[in-house]
Amino acid sequence: MGTAALIRPGFSSINWRMSDGSGQYHSLQTRFERRLRSAQLQVSYTWGHAISDAEQGQSAVGVGNPGSFHFLSNRKLDKSSTTFDIRQRLTSAVVYELPFLRNQHNVLAKALGAWQTNFIFTAQTGNATQVSDGTGRSDSWSRFDRPDLVATPDLPRGDRTEAHFFNTDAFQVVRSPRFGTAPRMMVRQPGLWNLDFTLSKRFRMMERAALVVRADAYNVFNHANWRSIDTTIRDTTNPNIGPAGTLLNPYGRVNTFGDPREMQVSLKFEF
């Protein structure tokens, strides 16, 4: 029956889990607002850093339990940025009423005057991610932990391409029974910047009825926002895989993208 039956009859085992991972978030936040007669402006900026010593989805050596630790004897070796760590984020919004024919009451003014425009701009740096060993080779000990860090993984902004976003040569697979030297979160994923635009007008039809015409454009400049990158090291000695950065071996490539430009027009009747 097992010792658990002595505590609770009918139970063959009792498992007890405790999550003692710790994390901190530090930030400097600032906000500016200004209201004018026909415009409103708001700008927000955050400079922060999210740190933890355990990550949901990460696992200890040979265990596979989410939220566990790699280095149980020295928790400081697990301390690094979190996956949702975004160092800098800027958002700004502008609401502006076009001044054309605003104070006139003829038919032309009712059709072309008092249109309102909205701009929302967002820019942020990329979040952190880890590099893992996916070679599958029997002599690869970093399959259970992390690879070795032998160089700086970040590339200059001008050297980043869709096929080679970070320095893939900065990591090497561990070939001896030991822990890898790379930290938990090793590489920064791409950031983003985006501009959305809205043009709208409210046509009053009766005392309690109105028609709202609105046109929205998301990602106005159709900017190609890179979202995430492939960070899995593969066995390049396999002729079916090839060098990093190719479609067969996408290690270091951008693998997801943000939405392209989208536009929509809507009519809303209020009563």
Protein backbone atom coordinates (compact mmCIF):
# COMPACT_ATOMS: atom_id res chain seq x y z
CA MET A 1 0.00 0.00 0.00
CA GLY A 2 2.92 2.37 0.60
CA THR A 3 3.55 4.92 3.34
CA ALA A 4 0.95 7.31 1.86
CA ALA A 5 -1.84 4.92 2.93
CA LEU A 6 -0.78 5.43 6.53
CA ILE A 7 -1.51 9.16 6.16
CA ARG A 8 -4.56 9.05 3.89
CA PRO A 9 -6.23 5.65 3.42
CA GLY A 10 -6.83 4.86 -0.25
CA PHE A 11 -3.89 6.94 -1.56
CA SER A 12 -0.89 5.15 -3.04
CA SER A 13 1.36 8.23 -3.04
CA ILE A 14 1.40 11.87 -2.04
CA ASN A 15 3.44 14.45 -3.94
CA TRP A 16 4.31 17.86 -2.54
CA ARG A 17 5.58 20.71 -4.68
CA MET A 18 6.88 24.10 -3.75
CA SER A 19 7.77 26.89 -6.16
CA ASP A 20 10.27 29.28 -4.60
CA GLY A 21 11.41 31.11 -7.70
CA SER A 22 11.92 34.84 -7.22
CA GLY A 23 11.72 37.78 -9.58
CA GLN A 24 12.05 41.55 -9.60
CA TYR A 25 10.93 44.30 -11.91
CA HIS A 26 12.61 47.70 -11.95
CA SER A 27 11.46 50.54 -14.17
CA LEU A 28 11.56 54.25 -14.79
CA GLN A 29 8.29 55.52 -16.25
CA THR A 30 7.46 58.96 -17.54
CA ARG A 31 4.37 60.43 -19.15
CA PHE A 32 3.61 63.71 -20.88
CA GLU A 33 0.16 65.06 -21.73
CA ARG A 34 -0.91 68.26 -23.41
CA ARG A 35 -4.42 69.43 -24.32
CA LEU A 36 -5.01 72.18 -26.83
CA ARG A 37 -8.12 73.63 -28.38
CA SER A 38 -8.32 71.14 -31.23
CA ALA A 39 -5.69 68.56 -30.27
CA GLN A 40 -4.60 66.23 -27.50
CA LEU A 41 -1.12 64.74 -27.14
CA GLN A 42 0.07 61.94 -24.89
CA VAL A 43 3.54 60.35 -24.77
CA SER A 44 4.59 57.54 -22.43
CA TYR A 45 8.05 56.01 -22.03
CA THR A 46 9.14 53.05 -19.90
CA TRP A 47 12.70 51.95 -19.24
CA GLY A 48 12.66 48.73 -17.24
CA HIS A 49 14.18 45.35 -16.52
CA ALA A 50 12.41 42.14 -15.44
CA ILE A 51 14.66 39.58 -13.72
CA SER A 52 14.00 36.11 -12.30
CA ASP A 53 15.81 32.90 -11.39
CA ALA A 54 13.17 30.50 -12.73
CA GLU A 55 11.20 30.61 -15.95
CA GLN A 56 7.88 28.99 -16.72
CA GLY A 57 8.51 26.38 -19.40
CA GLN A 58 12.15 25.82 -18.45
CA SER A 59 13.18 22.55 -16.83
CA ALA A 60 15.87 21.16 -14.58
CA VAL A 61 18.39 18.60 -15.80
CA GLY A 62 16.50 15.48 -16.84
CA VAL A 63 13.32 16.51 -15.02
CA GLY A 64 11.10 18.51 -17.35
CA ASN A 65 8.97 20.23 -14.72
CA PRO A 66 8.05 23.82 -15.68
CA GLY A 67 9.41 26.47 -13.39
CA SER A 68 12.29 24.32 -12.10
CA PHE A 69 15.94 25.33 -11.82
CA HIS A 70 19.06 24.21 -13.62
CA PHE A 71 21.61 24.99 -10.94
CA LEU A 72 20.05 23.91 -7.65
CA SER A 73 23.31 24.35 -5.73
CA ASN A 74 23.80 27.97 -6.85
CA ARG A 75 20.60 29.78 -7.74
CA LYS A 76 22.50 32.90 -8.78
CA LEU A 77 23.62 31.09 -11.94
CA ASP A 78 19.97 30.93 -13.05
CA LYS A 79 19.33 34.63 -12.54
CA SER A 80 18.75 36.49 -15.80
CA SER A 81 16.18 38.46 -17.77
CA THR A 82 12.71 36.97 -18.16
CA THR A 83 11.05 36.11 -21.46
CA PHE A 84 8.74 39.11 -21.10
CA ASP A 85 11.57 41.54 -20.33
CA ILE A 86 11.24 44.58 -22.61
CA ARG A 87 13.88 47.17 -21.78
CA GLN A 88 12.37 50.19 -23.55
CA ARG A 89 8.86 51.01 -24.74
CA LEU A 90 7.54 54.26 -26.19
CA THR A 91 3.89 54.96 -26.99
CA SER A 92 2.36 58.19 -28.21
CA ALA A 93 -1.17 59.18 -29.20
CA VAL A 94 -2.41 62.29 -30.96
CA VAL A 95 -6.02 63.32 -31.43
CA TYR A 96 -6.42 66.26 -33.82
CA GLU A 97 -9.51 67.87 -35.29
CA LEU A 98 -8.89 69.19 -38.79
CA PRO A 99 -9.48 72.96 -38.91
CA PHE A 100 -11.01 73.07 -42.40
CA LEU A 101 -14.51 74.59 -42.49
CA ARG A 102 -14.88 73.96 -38.79
CA ASN A 103 -16.86 77.12 -37.96
CA GLN A 104 -19.08 77.18 -41.03
CA HIS A 105 -22.61 75.80 -41.25
CA ASN A 106 -23.26 75.37 -44.96
CA VAL A 107 -23.63 72.06 -46.78
CA LEU A 108 -19.95 71.94 -47.77
CA ALA A 109 -18.84 72.48 -44.18
CA LYS A 110 -21.12 69.74 -42.90
CA ALA A 111 -19.61 67.31 -45.40
CA LEU A 112 -15.93 68.27 -45.26
CA GLY A 113 -15.48 70.03 -41.93
CA ALA A 114 -14.85 68.81 -38.37
CA TRP A 115 -13.10 65.56 -39.31
CA GLN A 116 -11.05 64.05 -36.49
CA THR A 117 -7.75 62.22 -36.89
CA ASN A 118 -6.08 59.85 -34.42
CA PHE A 119 -2.46 58.67 -34.50
CA ILE A 120 -1.06 55.93 -32.25
CA PHE A 121 2.66 55.20 -32.48
CA THR A 122 4.36 52.32 -30.63
CA ALA A 123 8.05 51.38 -30.51
CA GLN A 124 9.77 48.89 -28.24
CA THR A 125 12.87 46.74 -27.94
CA GLY A 126 12.71 42.97 -28.25
CA ASN A 127 12.27 40.55 -25.39
CA ALA A 128 14.81 37.96 -24.24
CA THR A 129 14.96 34.32 -25.34
CA GLN A 130 17.27 31.36 -24.87
CA VAL A 131 19.39 29.25 -27.22
CA SER A 132 18.89 25.49 -26.97
CA ASP A 133 20.72 22.45 -28.32
CA GLY A 134 18.60 20.47 -30.77
CA THR A 135 21.36 18.38 -32.36
CA GLY A 136 20.18 15.13 -30.80
CA ARG A 137 23.72 13.78 -30.73
CA SER A 138 24.60 11.36 -27.95
CA ASP A 139 27.81 13.23 -27.09
CA SER A 140 26.00 16.55 -26.72
CA TRP A 141 25.64 17.37 -23.04
CA SER A 142 24.04 20.75 -23.67
CA ARG A 143 20.88 18.92 -24.75
CA PHE A 144 20.15 18.74 -21.01
CA ASP A 145 21.24 22.24 -20.14
CA ARG A 146 22.70 25.07 -22.20
CA PRO A 147 25.48 25.54 -24.76
CA ASP A 148 28.75 27.35 -24.16
CA LEU A 149 28.87 31.09 -24.73
CA VAL A 150 32.13 31.87 -26.58
CA ALA A 151 31.44 35.33 -28.05
CA THR A 152 29.00 38.23 -27.98
CA PRO A 153 25.68 37.11 -29.49
CA ASP A 154 24.46 40.60 -30.41
CA LEU A 155 25.18 41.92 -33.90
CA PRO A 156 25.37 45.61 -34.90
CA ARG A 157 22.02 46.89 -36.16
CA GLY A 158 23.33 47.22 -39.71
CA ASP A 159 24.49 43.59 -39.79
CA ARG A 160 21.15 42.05 -38.77
CA THR A 161 19.32 40.36 -41.61
CA GLU A 162 16.29 38.13 -41.89
CA ALA A 163 18.55 35.09 -42.33
CA HIS A 164 21.12 36.08 -39.70
CA PHE A 165 19.67 38.15 -36.87
CA PHE A 166 22.26 37.31 -34.20
CA ASN A 167 25.76 35.87 -34.03
CA THR A 168 25.10 32.13 -34.25
CA ASP A 169 28.83 31.39 -33.83
CA ALA A 170 28.65 32.79 -30.30
CA PHE A 171 27.30 29.44 -29.02
CA GLN A 172 28.91 26.02 -29.09
CA VAL A 173 27.51 22.64 -28.15
CA VAL A 174 28.98 21.12 -24.97
CA ARG A 175 30.82 17.83 -25.69
CA SER A 176 31.83 16.90 -22.14
CA PRO A 177 29.71 16.02 -19.07
CA ARG A 178 29.40 19.51 -17.58
CA PHE A 179 27.13 22.54 -17.54
CA GLY A 180 27.25 25.03 -20.38
CA THR A 181 28.49 28.56 -19.72
CA ALA A 182 25.67 30.44 -21.48
CA PRO A 183 23.21 32.32 -19.25
CA ARG A 184 19.53 31.40 -19.17
CA MET A 185 18.25 34.16 -21.48
CA MET A 186 20.97 34.81 -24.02
CA VAL A 187 19.58 36.60 -27.08
CA ARG A 188 17.34 39.60 -27.73
CA GLN A 189 14.53 39.08 -30.21
CA PRO A 190 13.50 41.80 -32.69
CA GLY A 191 11.68 44.86 -31.45
CA LEU A 192 8.88 46.65 -33.25
CA TRP A 193 7.57 50.01 -34.30
CA ASN A 194 4.09 50.63 -35.60
CA LEU A 195 1.81 53.52 -36.56
CA ASP A 196 -1.99 53.31 -36.64
CA PHE A 197 -4.21 56.03 -38.11
CA THR A 198 -7.93 56.80 -37.85
CA LEU A 199 -10.08 59.35 -39.69
CA SER A 200 -13.65 59.80 -38.43
CA LYS A 201 -16.58 62.19 -38.49
CA ARG A 202 -19.96 62.28 -36.77
CA PHE A 203 -22.85 63.49 -38.93
CA ARG A 204 -25.84 64.63 -36.88
CA MET A 205 -29.04 63.63 -38.68
CA MET A 206 -31.67 64.44 -36.04
CA GLU A 207 -31.67 65.60 -32.46
CA ARG A 208 -30.99 62.09 -31.11
CA ALA A 209 -29.63 60.35 -34.18
CA ALA A 210 -26.24 60.53 -35.87
CA LEU A 211 -24.14 58.66 -38.40
CA VAL A 212 -20.47 58.02 -37.61
CA VAL A 213 -18.13 57.43 -40.55
CA ARG A 214 -14.75 55.98 -39.67
CA ALA A 215 -11.70 54.77 -41.61
CA ASP A 216 -8.87 52.90 -39.87
CA ALA A 217 -5.42 51.97 -41.12
CA TYR A 218 -3.26 49.68 -39.00
CA ASN A 219 0.49 49.61 -39.66
CA VAL A 220 0.12 52.54 -42.05
CA PHE A 221 3.62 52.27 -43.51
CA ASN A 222 3.35 48.49 -43.93
CA HIS A 223 6.51 48.09 -41.83
CA ALA A 224 7.79 44.49 -41.66
CA ASN A 225 7.97 43.90 -37.92
CA TRP A 226 10.06 40.83 -37.16
CA ARG A 227 8.56 38.99 -34.21
CA SER A 228 10.72 36.01 -33.19
CA ILE A 229 13.84 34.13 -34.24
CA ASP A 230 14.88 30.49 -34.37
CA THR A 231 17.32 29.75 -31.53
CA THR A 232 17.74 25.96 -31.83
CA ILE A 233 21.25 24.69 -32.66
CA ARG A 234 21.16 21.85 -35.19
CA ASP A 235 23.67 19.22 -36.25
CA THR A 236 25.45 20.81 -39.23
CA THR A 237 27.33 17.56 -39.96
CA ASN A 238 24.03 16.13 -41.20
CA PRO A 239 23.93 16.70 -45.00
CA ASN A 240 20.15 17.13 -44.82
CA ILE A 241 20.44 20.15 -42.54
CA GLY A 242 23.17 22.40 -43.90
CA PRO A 243 24.60 25.67 -42.56
CA ALA A 244 22.75 27.96 -40.19
CA GLY A 245 20.46 30.61 -41.64
CA THR A 246 19.04 28.47 -44.44
CA LEU A 247 15.50 27.15 -44.73
CA LEU A 248 16.68 23.63 -43.83
CA ASN A 249 18.57 24.96 -40.82
CA PRO A 250 16.77 28.14 -39.71
CA TYR A 251 19.00 28.65 -36.66
CA GLY A 252 19.39 32.42 -36.39
CA ARG A 253 16.61 33.22 -38.91
CA VAL A 254 13.52 35.31 -38.30
CA ASN A 255 10.61 32.85 -38.26
CA THR A 256 7.52 34.97 -37.49
CA PHE A 257 6.40 38.39 -38.66
CA GLY A 258 3.89 40.99 -37.55
CA ASP A 259 0.70 41.82 -39.40
CA PRO A 260 0.93 43.78 -42.68
CA ARG A 261 -1.03 46.95 -43.30
CA GLU A 262 -4.76 46.53 -42.76
CA MET A 263 -7.47 49.06 -43.64
CA GLN A 264 -11.17 49.14 -42.88
CA VAL A 265 -14.13 51.51 -43.27
CA SER A 266 -17.13 51.41 -40.97
CA LEU A 267 -20.49 53.13 -40.58
CA LYS A 268 -22.28 53.36 -37.23
CA PHE A 269 -25.79 54.67 -36.66
CA GLU A 270 -26.44 56.17 -33.23
CA PHE A 271 -29.91 56.78 -31.88
